Every structure is written in C-alpha cells, then in structure tokens.
Amino acid sequence: MDTIPELTHYIKNFKLEDFSSRNQGYDRVLLQLFGYLGHGKSSFINTCKYVLEDGEYQNYTNAKKPQKGGDQGDTTERVTYPLTDIMTLVDNRGCSKMDNYETAEFLAQLGKSMSE
C-alpha cells in the first residue's frame, strides 16, 4: 500500500497527459463534493489541503464543529478550493434529504461547473 508521502507526491504531480487516453480536451479536474448537511464535506477539504500543503492546519472552509442535535451545514453556496494547478475541490451546500428537488439542485450545480 502507498504511504501518505507517496500519495501526496502523486497528487501534487498529477497530469492529465500521463494517461494513455490523454487529456481528451480537458485541462483541469474538478472534484465535486455532494452530500447531507453537516456530514463533513468542508472538513474533508480542510484535511486534503492540510495534507498536501504539509504545514499548519488551517480552516480554509470555516467549517464548524457540528452542533448537538442539529444537522445544519454552514456552506450556503458553491465554493472552489484549488489543490494543485489543475485539481480543484468544489464544496457544494449539503442537502437535508435526498429527494427529486435536491437531486435536481445537484444536477444544476454540476451543469454550472461544466459551463465554467
């Protein structure tokens, strides 16, 4: 199994051109995070940046500790966080239930990403 330093090196040096199928016209990677309110999407981004930057931990996303008995998330709009020159994590607001309306919201957010 790869070690954290090996995986970190791989991510920092990742290039779309390194694959046999090449970049197929793409020049960046957007990793979209979707999920329920307060389930750690923003905290995941903070952890990824902390590991890749190899420095002091920072709360880039202003993630707060979950409140007891509450399921409120803090992310209210789509925010991007660059990891490398070509790789970006996208923090989307969470959903309270997975219904048709919220699925449509996810698809709209994905569509917005494709047009940028």
PDB file of N, CA and C in Angstrom:
ATOM      1  N   MET A   1       0.843  -1.187   0.000  1.00  0.00           N
ATOM      2  CA  MET A   1       0.000   0.000   0.000  1.00  0.00           C
ATOM      3  C   MET A   1       0.887   1.249   0.000  1.00  0.00           C
ATOM      4  N   ASP A   2       0.448   2.255  -0.729  1.00  0.00           N
ATOM      5  CA  ASP A   2       1.206   3.503  -0.797  1.00  0.00           C
ATOM      6  C   ASP A   2       1.152   4.244   0.530  1.00  0.00           C
ATOM      7  N   THR A   3       2.231   4.944   0.816  1.00  0.00           N
ATOM      8  CA  THR A   3       2.275   5.754   2.029  1.00  0.00           C
ATOM      9  C   THR A   3       1.702   7.136   1.730  1.00  0.00           C
ATOM     10  N   ILE A   4       1.396   7.881   2.777  1.00  0.00           N
ATOM     11  CA  ILE A   4       0.859   9.232   2.593  1.00  0.00           C
ATOM     12  C   ILE A   4       1.824  10.104   1.792  1.00  0.00           C
ATOM     13  N   PRO A   5       3.133  10.091   2.077  1.00  0.00           N
ATOM     14  CA  PRO A   5       4.040  10.906   1.248  1.00  0.00           C
ATOM     15  C   PRO A   5       4.022  10.507  -0.233  1.00  0.00           C
ATOM     16  N   GLU A   6       3.912   9.203  -0.522  1.00  0.00           N
ATOM     17  CA  GLU A   6       3.859   8.757  -1.916  1.00  0.00           C
ATOM     18  C   GLU A   6       2.579   9.235  -2.597  1.00  0.00           C
ATOM     19  N   LEU A   7       1.464   9.113  -1.904  1.00  0.00           N
ATOM     20  CA  LEU A   7       0.190   9.565  -2.469  1.00  0.00           C
ATOM     21  C   LEU A   7       0.178  11.080  -2.645  1.00  0.00           C
ATOM     22  N   THR A   8       0.741  11.795  -1.675  1.00  0.00           N
ATOM     23  CA  THR A   8       0.820  13.253  -1.771  1.00  0.00           C
ATOM     24  C   THR A   8       1.648  13.656  -2.988  1.00  0.00           C
ATOM     25  N   HIS A   9       2.777  12.992  -3.180  1.00  0.00           N
ATOM     26  CA  HIS A   9       3.631  13.270  -4.342  1.00  0.00           C
ATOM     27  C   HIS A   9       2.865  13.007  -5.640  1.00  0.00           C
ATOM     28  N   TYR A  10       2.128  11.910  -5.684  1.00  0.00           N
ATOM     29  CA  TYR A  10       1.352  11.565  -6.883  1.00  0.00           C
ATOM     30  C   TYR A  10       0.329  12.653  -7.197  1.00  0.00           C
ATOM     31  N   ILE A  11      -0.401  13.110  -6.180  1.00  0.00           N
ATOM     32  CA  ILE A  11      -1.424  14.139  -6.393  1.00  0.00           C
ATOM     33  C   ILE A  11      -0.787  15.457  -6.825  1.00  0.00           C
ATOM     34  N   LYS A  12       0.284  15.852  -6.162  1.00  0.00           N
ATOM     35  CA  LYS A  12       0.941  17.123  -6.500  1.00  0.00           C
ATOM     36  C   LYS A  12       1.494  17.124  -7.921  1.00  0.00           C
ATOM     37  N   ASN A  13       1.864  15.962  -8.433  1.00  0.00           N
ATOM     38  CA  ASN A  13       2.469  15.860  -9.760  1.00  0.00           C
ATOM     39  C   ASN A  13       1.528  15.281 -10.818  1.00  0.00           C
ATOM     40  N   PHE A  14       0.266  15.145 -10.476  1.00  0.00           N
ATOM     41  CA  PHE A  14      -0.732  14.573 -11.379  1.00  0.00           C
ATOM     42  C   PHE A  14      -0.874  15.431 -12.639  1.00  0.00           C
ATOM     43  N   LYS A  15      -0.874  14.765 -13.795  1.00  0.00           N
ATOM     44  CA  LYS A  15      -1.084  15.438 -15.079  1.00  0.00           C
ATOM     45  C   LYS A  15      -2.041  14.590 -15.904  1.00  0.00           C
ATOM     46  N   LEU A  16      -3.008  15.235 -16.520  1.00  0.00           N
ATOM     47  CA  LEU A  16      -3.953  14.506 -17.357  1.00  0.00           C
ATOM     48  C   LEU A  16      -3.254  13.830 -18.533  1.00  0.00           C
ATOM     49  N   GLU A  17      -2.174  14.401 -19.000  1.00  0.00           N
ATOM     50  CA  GLU A  17      -1.452  13.861 -20.145  1.00  0.00           C
ATOM     51  C   GLU A  17      -0.762  12.536 -19.838  1.00  0.00           C
ATOM     52  N   ASP A  18      -0.640  12.179 -18.559  1.00  0.00           N
ATOM     53  CA  ASP A  18       0.051  10.951 -18.177  1.00  0.00           C
ATOM     54  C   ASP A  18      -0.748   9.678 -18.480  1.00  0.00           C
ATOM     55  N   PHE A  19      -2.016   9.812 -18.827  1.00  0.00           N
ATOM     56  CA  PHE A  19      -2.855   8.650 -19.083  1.00  0.00           C
ATOM     57  C   PHE A  19      -2.805   8.262 -20.554  1.00  0.00           C
ATOM     58  N   SER A  20      -3.017   6.985 -20.824  1.00  0.00           N
ATOM     59  CA  SER A  20      -2.970   6.507 -22.207  1.00  0.00           C
ATOM     60  C   SER A  20      -4.048   7.172 -23.059  1.00  0.00           C
ATOM     61  N   SER A  21      -5.169   7.537 -22.452  1.00  0.00           N
ATOM     62  CA  SER A  21      -6.247   8.192 -23.202  1.00  0.00           C
ATOM     63  C   SER A  21      -6.021   9.696 -23.312  1.00  0.00           C
ATOM     64  N   ARG A  22      -4.897  10.170 -22.770  1.00  0.00           N
ATOM     65  CA  ARG A  22      -4.523  11.590 -22.791  1.00  0.00           C
ATOM     66  C   ARG A  22      -5.569  12.431 -22.062  1.00  0.00           C
ATOM     67  N   ASN A  23      -5.595  13.717 -22.328  1.00  0.00           N
ATOM     68  CA  ASN A  23      -6.488  14.590 -21.566  1.00  0.00           C
ATOM     69  C   ASN A  23      -7.860  14.743 -22.205  1.00  0.00           C
ATOM     70  N   GLN A  24      -8.056  14.241 -23.407  1.00  0.00           N
ATOM     71  CA  GLN A  24      -9.326  14.289 -24.130  1.00  0.00           C
ATOM     72  C   GLN A  24      -9.925  15.695 -24.155  1.00  0.00           C
ATOM     73  N   GLY A  25      -9.084  16.700 -24.228  1.00  0.00           N
ATOM     74  CA  GLY A  25      -9.559  18.077 -24.325  1.00  0.00           C
ATOM     75  C   GLY A  25      -9.757  18.782 -22.999  1.00  0.00           C
ATOM     76  N   TYR A  26      -9.584  18.076 -21.902  1.00  0.00           N
ATOM     77  CA  TYR A  26      -9.757  18.690 -20.584  1.00  0.00           C
ATOM     78  C   TYR A  26      -8.431  19.232 -20.076  1.00  0.00           C
ATOM     79  N   ASP A  27      -8.512  20.316 -19.311  1.00  0.00           N
ATOM     80  CA  ASP A  27      -7.284  20.888 -18.767  1.00  0.00           C
ATOM     81  C   ASP A  27      -7.317  21.021 -17.253  1.00  0.00           C
ATOM     82  N   ARG A  28      -8.376  20.507 -16.623  1.00  0.00           N
ATOM     83  CA  ARG A  28      -8.467  20.571 -15.163  1.00  0.00           C
ATOM     84  C   ARG A  28      -9.357  19.450 -14.648  1.00  0.00           C
ATOM     85  N   VAL A  29      -9.249  19.222 -13.345  1.00  0.00           N
ATOM     86  CA  VAL A  29     -10.072  18.223 -12.668  1.00  0.00           C
ATOM     87  C   VAL A  29     -10.828  18.935 -11.557  1.00  0.00           C
ATOM     88  N   LEU A  30     -12.152  18.852 -11.596  1.00  0.00           N
ATOM     89  CA  LEU A  30     -12.987  19.387 -10.523  1.00  0.00           C
ATOM     90  C   LEU A  30     -13.564  18.212  -9.757  1.00  0.00           C
ATOM     91  N   LEU A  31     -13.236  18.107  -8.494  1.00  0.00           N
ATOM     92  CA  LEU A  31     -13.779  17.050  -7.643  1.00  0.00           C
ATOM     93  C   LEU A  31     -14.935  17.653  -6.856  1.00  0.00           C
ATOM     94  N   GLN A  32     -16.140  17.358  -7.294  1.00  0.00           N
ATOM     95  CA  GLN A  32     -17.345  17.912  -6.682  1.00  0.00           C
ATOM     96  C   GLN A  32     -17.720  17.094  -5.449  1.00  0.00           C
ATOM     97  N   LEU A  33     -17.976  17.769  -4.349  1.00  0.00           N
ATOM     98  CA  LEU A  33     -18.410  17.094  -3.126  1.00  0.00           C
ATOM     99  C   LEU A  33     -19.882  17.386  -2.895  1.00  0.00           C
ATOM    100  N   PHE A  34     -20.675  16.326  -2.822  1.00  0.00           N
ATOM    101  CA  PHE A  34     -22.102  16.425  -2.551  1.00  0.00           C
ATOM    102  C   PHE A  34     -22.423  15.513  -1.381  1.00  0.00           C
ATOM    103  N   GLY A  35     -23.434  15.876  -0.606  1.00  0.00           N
ATOM    104  CA  GLY A  35     -23.842  15.023   0.498  1.00  0.00           C
ATOM    105  C   GLY A  35     -24.807  15.733   1.421  1.00  0.00           C
ATOM    106  N   TYR A  36     -25.077  15.090   2.534  1.00  0.00           N
ATOM    107  CA  TYR A  36     -26.018  15.634   3.506  1.00  0.00           C
ATOM    108  C   TYR A  36     -25.414  16.797   4.289  1.00  0.00           C
ATOM    109  N   LEU A  37     -26.281  17.619   4.850  1.00  0.00           N
ATOM    110  CA  LEU A  37     -25.870  18.741   5.694  1.00  0.00           C
ATOM    111  C   LEU A  37     -25.032  18.252   6.863  1.00  0.00           C
ATOM    112  N   GLY A  38     -23.932  18.928   7.115  1.00  0.00           N
ATOM    113  CA  GLY A  38     -23.136  18.647   8.302  1.00  0.00           C
ATOM    114  C   GLY A  38     -22.427  17.310   8.329  1.00  0.00           C
ATOM    115  N   HIS A  39     -22.210  16.694   7.166  1.00  0.00           N
ATOM    116  CA  HIS A  39     -21.569  15.379   7.139  1.00  0.00           C
ATOM    117  C   HIS A  39     -20.095  15.421   6.769  1.00  0.00           C
ATOM    118  N   GLY A  40     -19.475  16.613   6.791  1.00  0.00           N
ATOM    119  CA  GLY A  40     -18.028  16.686   6.696  1.00  0.00           C
ATOM    120  C   GLY A  40     -17.410  17.010   5.352  1.00  0.00           C
ATOM    121  N   LYS A  41     -18.196  17.515   4.406  1.00  0.00           N
ATOM    122  CA  LYS A  41     -17.616  17.869   3.104  1.00  0.00           C
ATOM    123  C   LYS A  41     -16.553  18.951   3.258  1.00  0.00           C
ATOM    124  N   SER A  42     -16.863  20.000   3.995  1.00  0.00           N
ATOM    125  CA  SER A  42     -15.908  21.099   4.206  1.00  0.00           C
ATOM    126  C   SER A  42     -14.707  20.636   5.019  1.00  0.00           C
ATOM    127  N   SER A  43     -14.934  19.806   6.006  1.00  0.00           N
ATOM    128  CA  SER A  43     -13.828  19.272   6.812  1.00  0.00           C
ATOM    129  C   SER A  43     -12.911  18.398   5.966  1.00  0.00           C
ATOM    130  N   PHE A  44     -13.490  17.651   5.037  1.00  0.00           N
ATOM    131  CA  PHE A  44     -12.694  16.838   4.119  1.00  0.00           C
ATOM    132  C   PHE A  44     -11.762  17.721   3.289  1.00  0.00           C
ATOM    133  N   ILE A  45     -12.271  18.844   2.813  1.00  0.00           N
ATOM    134  CA  ILE A  45     -11.444  19.782   2.039  1.00  0.00           C
ATOM    135  C   ILE A  45     -10.309  20.316   2.897  1.00  0.00           C
ATOM    136  N   ASN A  46     -10.619  20.720   4.130  1.00  0.00           N
ATOM    137  CA  ASN A  46      -9.568  21.210   5.036  1.00  0.00           C
ATOM    138  C   ASN A  46      -8.478  20.157   5.232  1.00  0.00           C
ATOM    139  N   THR A  47      -8.876  18.909   5.395  1.00  0.00           N
ATOM    140  CA  THR A  47      -7.913  17.826   5.602  1.00  0.00           C
ATOM    141  C   THR A  47      -7.055  17.606   4.357  1.00  0.00           C
ATOM    142  N   CYS A  48      -7.669  17.608   3.192  1.00  0.00           N
ATOM    143  CA  CYS A  48      -6.910  17.431   1.945  1.00  0.00           C
ATOM    144  C   CYS A  48      -5.872  18.530   1.779  1.00  0.00           C
ATOM    145  N   LYS A  49      -6.269  19.770   2.011  1.00  0.00           N
ATOM    146  CA  LYS A  49      -5.330  20.885   1.866  1.00  0.00           C
ATOM    147  C   LYS A  49      -4.220  20.793   2.911  1.00  0.00           C
ATOM    148  N   TYR A  50      -4.560  20.402   4.117  1.00  0.00           N
ATOM    149  CA  TYR A  50      -3.567  20.260   5.188  1.00  0.00           C
ATOM    150  C   TYR A  50      -2.508  19.220   4.812  1.00  0.00           C
ATOM    151  N   VAL A  51      -2.952  18.075   4.323  1.00  0.00           N
ATOM    152  CA  VAL A  51      -2.021  17.002   3.970  1.00  0.00           C
ATOM    153  C   VAL A  51      -1.148  17.411   2.779  1.00  0.00           C
ATOM    154  N   LEU A  52      -1.748  18.031   1.773  1.00  0.00           N
ATOM    155  CA  LEU A  52      -0.981  18.393   0.576  1.00  0.00           C
ATOM    156  C   LEU A  52      -0.026  19.557   0.812  1.00  0.00           C
ATOM    157  N   GLU A  53      -0.396  20.482   1.670  1.00  0.00           N
ATOM    158  CA  GLU A  53       0.454  21.651   1.891  1.00  0.00           C
ATOM    159  C   GLU A  53       1.501  21.416   2.962  1.00  0.00           C
ATOM    160  N   ASP A  54       1.347  20.338   3.735  1.00  0.00           N
ATOM    161  CA  ASP A  54       2.360  19.925   4.698  1.00  0.00           C
ATOM    162  C   ASP A  54       2.788  21.058   5.634  1.00  0.00           C
ATOM    163  N   GLY A  55       1.812  21.748   6.180  1.00  0.00           N
ATOM    164  CA  GLY A  55       2.115  22.841   7.108  1.00  0.00           C
ATOM    165  C   GLY A  55       1.165  22.804   8.282  1.00  0.00           C
ATOM    166  N   GLU A  56       0.922  23.951   8.852  1.00  0.00           N
ATOM    167  CA  GLU A  56      -0.026  24.066   9.959  1.00  0.00           C
ATOM    168  C   GLU A  56      -1.449  23.872   9.435  1.00  0.00           C
ATOM    169  N   TYR A  57      -2.277  23.242  10.257  1.00  0.00           N
ATOM    170  CA  TYR A  57      -3.675  23.062   9.880  1.00  0.00           C
ATOM    171  C   TYR A  57      -4.364  24.418   9.833  1.00  0.00           C
ATOM    172  N   GLN A  58      -5.143  24.649   8.776  1.00  0.00           N
ATOM    173  CA  GLN A  58      -5.941  25.864   8.651  1.00  0.00           C
ATOM    174  C   GLN A  58      -7.366  25.477   8.313  1.00  0.00           C
ATOM    175  N   ASN A  59      -8.294  26.267   8.785  1.00  0.00           N
ATOM    176  CA  ASN A  59      -9.702  26.033   8.494  1.00  0.00           C
ATOM    177  C   ASN A  59     -10.084  26.876   7.270  1.00  0.00           C
ATOM    178  N   TYR A  60      -9.672  26.419   6.098  1.00  0.00           N
ATOM    179  CA  TYR A  60      -9.902  27.148   4.853  1.00  0.00           C
ATOM    180  C   TYR A  60     -11.381  27.388   4.587  1.00  0.00           C
ATOM    181  N   THR A  61     -12.199  26.429   4.947  1.00  0.00           N
ATOM    182  CA  THR A  61     -13.623  26.475   4.615  1.00  0.00           C
ATOM    183  C   THR A  61     -14.479  27.080   5.724  1.00  0.00           C
ATOM    184  N   ASN A  62     -13.859  27.463   6.822  1.00  0.00           N
ATOM    185  CA  ASN A  62     -14.594  27.946   8.006  1.00  0.00           C
ATOM    186  C   ASN A  62     -15.577  26.908   8.525  1.00  0.00           C
ATOM    187  N   ALA A  63     -15.208  25.640   8.420  1.00  0.00           N
ATOM    188  CA  ALA A  63     -16.050  24.555   8.918  1.00  0.00           C
ATOM    189  C   ALA A  63     -16.164  24.675  10.433  1.00  0.00           C
ATOM    190  N   LYS A  64     -17.364  24.436  10.918  1.00  0.00           N
ATOM    191  CA  LYS A  64     -17.608  24.492  12.360  1.00  0.00           C
ATOM    192  C   LYS A  64     -17.885  23.090  12.878  1.00  0.00           C
ATOM    193  N   LYS A  65     -17.643  22.927  14.162  1.00  0.00           N
ATOM    194  CA  LYS A  65     -17.951  21.661  14.813  1.00  0.00           C
ATOM    195  C   LYS A  65     -19.468  21.470  14.786  1.00  0.00           C
ATOM    196  N   PRO A  66     -19.942  20.275  14.436  1.00  0.00           N
ATOM    197  CA  PRO A  66     -21.392  20.045  14.406  1.00  0.00           C
ATOM    198  C   PRO A  66     -22.028  20.303  15.769  1.00  0.00           C
ATOM    199  N   GLN A  67     -23.184  20.932  15.743  1.00  0.00           N
ATOM    200  CA  GLN A  67     -23.919  21.195  16.975  1.00  0.00           C
ATOM    201  C   GLN A  67     -24.721  19.962  17.361  1.00  0.00           C
ATOM    202  N   LYS A  68     -24.762  19.691  18.643  1.00  0.00           N
ATOM    203  CA  LYS A  68     -25.504  18.531  19.130  1.00  0.00           C
ATOM    204  C   LYS A  68     -26.986  18.687  18.776  1.00  0.00           C
ATOM    205  N   GLY A  69     -27.522  17.652  18.157  1.00  0.00           N
ATOM    206  CA  GLY A  69     -28.933  17.648  17.808  1.00  0.00           C
ATOM    207  C   GLY A  69     -29.264  18.424  16.545  1.00  0.00           C
ATOM    208  N   GLY A  70     -28.286  19.071  15.948  1.00  0.00           N
ATOM    209  CA  GLY A  70     -28.542  19.856  14.741  1.00  0.00           C
ATOM    210  C   GLY A  70     -27.904  19.219  13.530  1.00  0.00           C
ATOM    211  N   ASP A  71     -28.526  19.426  12.399  1.00  0.00           N
ATOM    212  CA  ASP A  71     -27.951  18.895  11.164  1.00  0.00           C
ATOM    213  C   ASP A  71     -27.705  20.018  10.169  1.00  0.00           C
ATOM    214  N   GLN A  72     -27.512  21.238  10.679  1.00  0.00           N
ATOM    215  CA  GLN A  72     -27.314  22.384   9.814  1.00  0.00           C
ATOM    216  C   GLN A  72     -25.893  22.424   9.280  1.00  0.00           C
ATOM    217  N   GLY A  73     -25.760  22.601   7.999  1.00  0.00           N
ATOM    218  CA  GLY A  73     -24.450  22.799   7.400  1.00  0.00           C
ATOM    219  C   GLY A  73     -24.156  24.288   7.315  1.00  0.00           C
ATOM    220  N   ASP A  74     -22.902  24.626   7.123  1.00  0.00           N
ATOM    221  CA  ASP A  74     -22.507  26.031   7.039  1.00  0.00           C
ATOM    222  C   ASP A  74     -22.309  26.515   5.613  1.00  0.00           C
ATOM    223  N   THR A  75     -22.124  25.618   4.678  1.00  0.00           N
ATOM    224  CA  THR A  75     -21.886  26.020   3.296  1.00  0.00           C
ATOM    225  C   THR A  75     -23.211  26.410   2.657  1.00  0.00           C
ATOM    226  N   THR A  76     -23.293  27.648   2.189  1.00  0.00           N
ATOM    227  CA  THR A  76     -24.542  28.132   1.598  1.00  0.00           C
ATOM    228  C   THR A  76     -24.447  28.324   0.094  1.00  0.00           C
ATOM    229  N   GLU A  77     -23.230  28.279  -0.433  1.00  0.00           N
ATOM    230  CA  GLU A  77     -23.049  28.415  -1.873  1.00  0.00           C
ATOM    231  C   GLU A  77     -21.849  27.588  -2.309  1.00  0.00           C
ATOM    232  N   ARG A  78     -21.766  27.366  -3.581  1.00  0.00           N
ATOM    233  CA  ARG A  78     -20.681  26.581  -4.158  1.00  0.00           C
ATOM    234  C   ARG A  78     -19.376  27.370  -4.064  1.00  0.00           C
ATOM    235  N   VAL A  79     -18.335  26.721  -3.495  1.00  0.00           N
ATOM    236  CA  VAL A  79     -17.039  27.378  -3.327  1.00  0.00           C
ATOM    237  C   VAL A  79     -15.951  26.418  -3.811  1.00  0.00           C
ATOM    238  N   THR A  80     -14.970  26.954  -4.546  1.00  0.00           N
ATOM    239  CA  THR A  80     -13.878  26.126  -5.047  1.00  0.00           C
ATOM    240  C   THR A  80     -12.618  26.342  -4.218  1.00  0.00           C
ATOM    241  N   TYR A  81     -11.848  25.262  -4.058  1.00  0.00           N
ATOM    242  CA  TYR A  81     -10.593  25.286  -3.306  1.00  0.00           C
ATOM    243  C   TYR A  81      -9.525  24.571  -4.127  1.00  0.00           C
ATOM    244  N   PRO A  82      -8.596  25.315  -4.730  1.00  0.00           N
ATOM    245  CA  PRO A  82      -7.540  24.678  -5.520  1.00  0.00           C
ATOM    246  C   PRO A  82      -6.645  23.795  -4.655  1.00  0.00           C
ATOM    247  N   LEU A  83      -6.342  22.604  -5.170  1.00  0.00           N
ATOM    248  CA  LEU A  83      -5.382  21.707  -4.520  1.00  0.00           C
ATOM    249  C   LEU A  83      -4.041  21.775  -5.231  1.00  0.00           C
ATOM    250  N   THR A  84      -4.095  21.776  -6.557  1.00  0.00           N
ATOM    251  CA  THR A  84      -2.893  21.871  -7.386  1.00  0.00           C
ATOM    252  C   THR A  84      -3.223  22.816  -8.535  1.00  0.00           C
ATOM    253  N   ASP A  85      -2.307  22.948  -9.475  1.00  0.00           N
ATOM    254  CA  ASP A  85      -2.560  23.813 -10.631  1.00  0.00           C
ATOM    255  C   ASP A  85      -3.741  23.339 -11.469  1.00  0.00           C
ATOM    256  N   ILE A  86      -3.994  22.029 -11.479  1.00  0.00           N
ATOM    257  CA  ILE A  86      -5.097  21.526 -12.311  1.00  0.00           C
ATOM    258  C   ILE A  86      -6.215  20.851 -11.522  1.00  0.00           C
ATOM    259  N   MET A  87      -6.027  20.628 -10.241  1.00  0.00           N
ATOM    260  CA  MET A  87      -7.005  19.898  -9.439  1.00  0.00           C
ATOM    261  C   MET A  87      -7.651  20.824  -8.407  1.00  0.00           C
ATOM    262  N   THR A  88      -8.993  20.848  -8.418  1.00  0.00           N
ATOM    263  CA  THR A  88      -9.750  21.717  -7.527  1.00  0.00           C
ATOM    264  C   THR A  88     -10.857  20.927  -6.849  1.00  0.00           C
ATOM    265  N   LEU A  89     -11.008  21.122  -5.546  1.00  0.00           N
ATOM    266  CA  LEU A  89     -12.144  20.552  -4.816  1.00  0.00           C
ATOM    267  C   LEU A  89     -13.262  21.582  -4.815  1.00  0.00           C
ATOM    268  N   VAL A  90     -14.490  21.119  -5.006  1.00  0.00           N
ATOM    269  CA  VAL A  90     -15.643  22.012  -5.037  1.00  0.00           C
ATOM    270  C   VAL A  90     -16.574  21.635  -3.897  1.00  0.00           C
ATOM    271  N   ASP A  91     -16.771  22.587  -2.992  1.00  0.00           N
ATOM    272  CA  ASP A  91     -17.644  22.394  -1.830  1.00  0.00           C
ATOM    273  C   ASP A  91     -19.034  22.902  -2.188  1.00  0.00           C
ATOM    274  N   ASN A  92     -19.988  21.995  -2.247  1.00  0.00           N
ATOM    275  CA  ASN A  92     -21.369  22.356  -2.536  1.00  0.00           C
ATOM    276  C   ASN A  92     -22.175  22.306  -1.250  1.00  0.00           C
ATOM    277  N   ARG A  93     -23.238  23.088  -1.200  1.00  0.00           N
ATOM    278  CA  ARG A  93     -24.054  23.067   0.017  1.00  0.00           C
ATOM    279  C   ARG A  93     -24.693  21.689   0.162  1.00  0.00           C
ATOM    280  N   GLY A  94     -24.901  21.299   1.391  1.00  0.00           N
ATOM    281  CA  GLY A  94     -25.471  19.989   1.657  1.00  0.00           C
ATOM    282  C   GLY A  94     -26.973  19.964   1.486  1.00  0.00           C
ATOM    283  N   CYS A  95     -27.509  18.770   1.480  1.00  0.00           N
ATOM    284  CA  CYS A  95     -28.958  18.612   1.379  1.00  0.00           C
ATOM    285  C   CYS A  95     -29.477  17.982   2.670  1.00  0.00           C
ATOM    286  N   SER A  96     -30.741  18.240   2.949  1.00  0.00           N
ATOM    287  CA  SER A  96     -31.327  17.686   4.168  1.00  0.00           C
ATOM    288  C   SER A  96     -31.967  16.326   3.911  1.00  0.00           C
ATOM    289  N   LYS A  97     -32.366  16.082   2.691  1.00  0.00           N
ATOM    290  CA  LYS A  97     -32.921  14.778   2.310  1.00  0.00           C
ATOM    291  C   LYS A  97     -32.646  14.581   0.828  1.00  0.00           C
ATOM    292  N   MET A  98     -32.541  13.373   0.425  1.00  0.00           N
ATOM    293  CA  MET A  98     -32.240  13.077  -0.973  1.00  0.00           C
ATOM    294  C   MET A  98     -33.550  12.864  -1.721  1.00  0.00           C
ATOM    295  N   ASP A  99     -34.174  13.955  -2.149  1.00  0.00           N
ATOM    296  CA  ASP A  99     -35.415  13.832  -2.904  1.00  0.00           C
ATOM    297  C   ASP A  99     -35.204  14.364  -4.324  1.00  0.00           C
ATOM    298  N   ASN A 100     -36.255  14.361  -5.133  1.00  0.00           N
ATOM    299  CA  ASN A 100     -36.125  14.797  -6.522  1.00  0.00           C
ATOM    300  C   ASN A 100     -35.682  16.253  -6.630  1.00  0.00           C
ATOM    301  N   TYR A 101     -36.173  17.117  -5.743  1.00  0.00           N
ATOM    302  CA  TYR A 101     -35.802  18.532  -5.783  1.00  0.00           C
ATOM    303  C   TYR A 101     -34.303  18.701  -5.544  1.00  0.00           C
ATOM    304  N   GLU A 102     -33.793  18.045  -4.521  1.00  0.00           N
ATOM    305  CA  GLU A 102     -32.372  18.199  -4.206  1.00  0.00           C
ATOM    306  C   GLU A 102     -31.482  17.509  -5.237  1.00  0.00           C
ATOM    307  N   THR A 103     -31.960  16.423  -5.821  1.00  0.00           N
ATOM    308  CA  THR A 103     -31.219  15.804  -6.916  1.00  0.00           C
ATOM    309  C   THR A 103     -31.122  16.776  -8.089  1.00  0.00           C
ATOM    310  N   ALA A 104     -32.211  17.479  -8.387  1.00  0.00           N
ATOM    311  CA  ALA A 104     -32.198  18.486  -9.455  1.00  0.00           C
ATOM    312  C   ALA A 104     -31.228  19.616  -9.120  1.00  0.00           C
ATOM    313  N   GLU A 105     -31.152  19.997  -7.838  1.00  0.00           N
ATOM    314  CA  GLU A 105     -30.188  21.026  -7.406  1.00  0.00           C
ATOM    315  C   GLU A 105     -28.754  20.561  -7.670  1.00  0.00           C
ATOM    316  N   PHE A 106     -28.455  19.306  -7.344  1.00  0.00           N
ATOM    317  CA  PHE A 106     -27.117  18.762  -7.597  1.00  0.00           C
ATOM    318  C   PHE A 106     -26.795  18.820  -9.090  1.00  0.00           C
ATOM    319  N   LEU A 107     -27.750  18.398  -9.910  1.00  0.00           N
ATOM    320  CA  LEU A 107     -27.526  18.398 -11.356  1.00  0.00           C
ATOM    321  C   LEU A 107     -27.315  19.815 -11.876  1.00  0.00           C
ATOM    322  N   ALA A 108     -28.042  20.783 -11.315  1.00  0.00           N
ATOM    323  CA  ALA A 108     -27.858  22.182 -11.718  1.00  0.00           C
ATOM    324  C   ALA A 108     -26.461  22.664 -11.342  1.00  0.00           C
ATOM    325  N   GLN A 109     -25.983  22.290 -10.163  1.00  0.00           N
ATOM    326  CA  GLN A 109     -24.637  22.682  -9.744  1.00  0.00           C
ATOM    327  C   GLN A 109     -23.586  22.035 -10.645  1.00  0.00           C
ATOM    328  N   LEU A 110     -23.797  20.787 -11.027  1.00  0.00           N
ATOM    329  CA  LEU A 110     -22.865  20.126 -11.945  1.00  0.00           C
ATOM    330  C   LEU A 110     -22.873  20.809 -13.307  1.00  0.00           C
ATOM    331  N   GLY A 111     -24.062  21.186 -13.775  1.00  0.00           N
ATOM    332  CA  GLY A 111     -24.172  21.888 -15.050  1.00  0.00           C
ATOM    333  C   GLY A 111     -23.445  23.209 -15.029  1.00  0.00           C
ATOM    334  N   LYS A 112     -23.520  23.904 -13.906  1.00  0.00           N
ATOM    335  CA  LYS A 112     -22.813  25.180 -13.768  1.00  0.00           C
ATOM    336  C   LYS A 112     -21.308  24.948 -13.881  1.00  0.00           C
ATOM    337  N   SER A 113     -20.819  23.874 -13.285  1.00  0.00           N
ATOM    338  CA  SER A 113     -19.390  23.561 -13.336  1.00  0.00           C
ATOM    339  C   SER A 113     -18.938  23.282 -14.759  1.00  0.00           C
ATOM    340  N   MET A 114     -19.773  22.616 -15.512  1.00  0.00           N
ATOM    341  CA  MET A 114     -19.399  22.247 -16.878  1.00  0.00           C
ATOM    342  C   MET A 114     -19.297  23.474 -17.780  1.00  0.00           C
ATOM    343  N   SER A 115     -20.053  24.528 -17.452  1.00  0.00           N
ATOM    344  CA  SER A 115     -20.060  25.714 -18.312  1.00  0.00           C
ATOM    345  C   SER A 115     -18.973  26.713 -17.948  1.00  0.00           C
ATOM    346  N   GLU A 116     -18.267  26.503 -16.848  1.00  0.00           N
ATOM    347  CA  GLU A 116     -17.234  27.454 -16.418  1.00  0.00           C
ATOM    348  C   GLU A 116     -15.926  27.219 -17.132  1.00  0.00           C
TER     349      GLU A 116
END
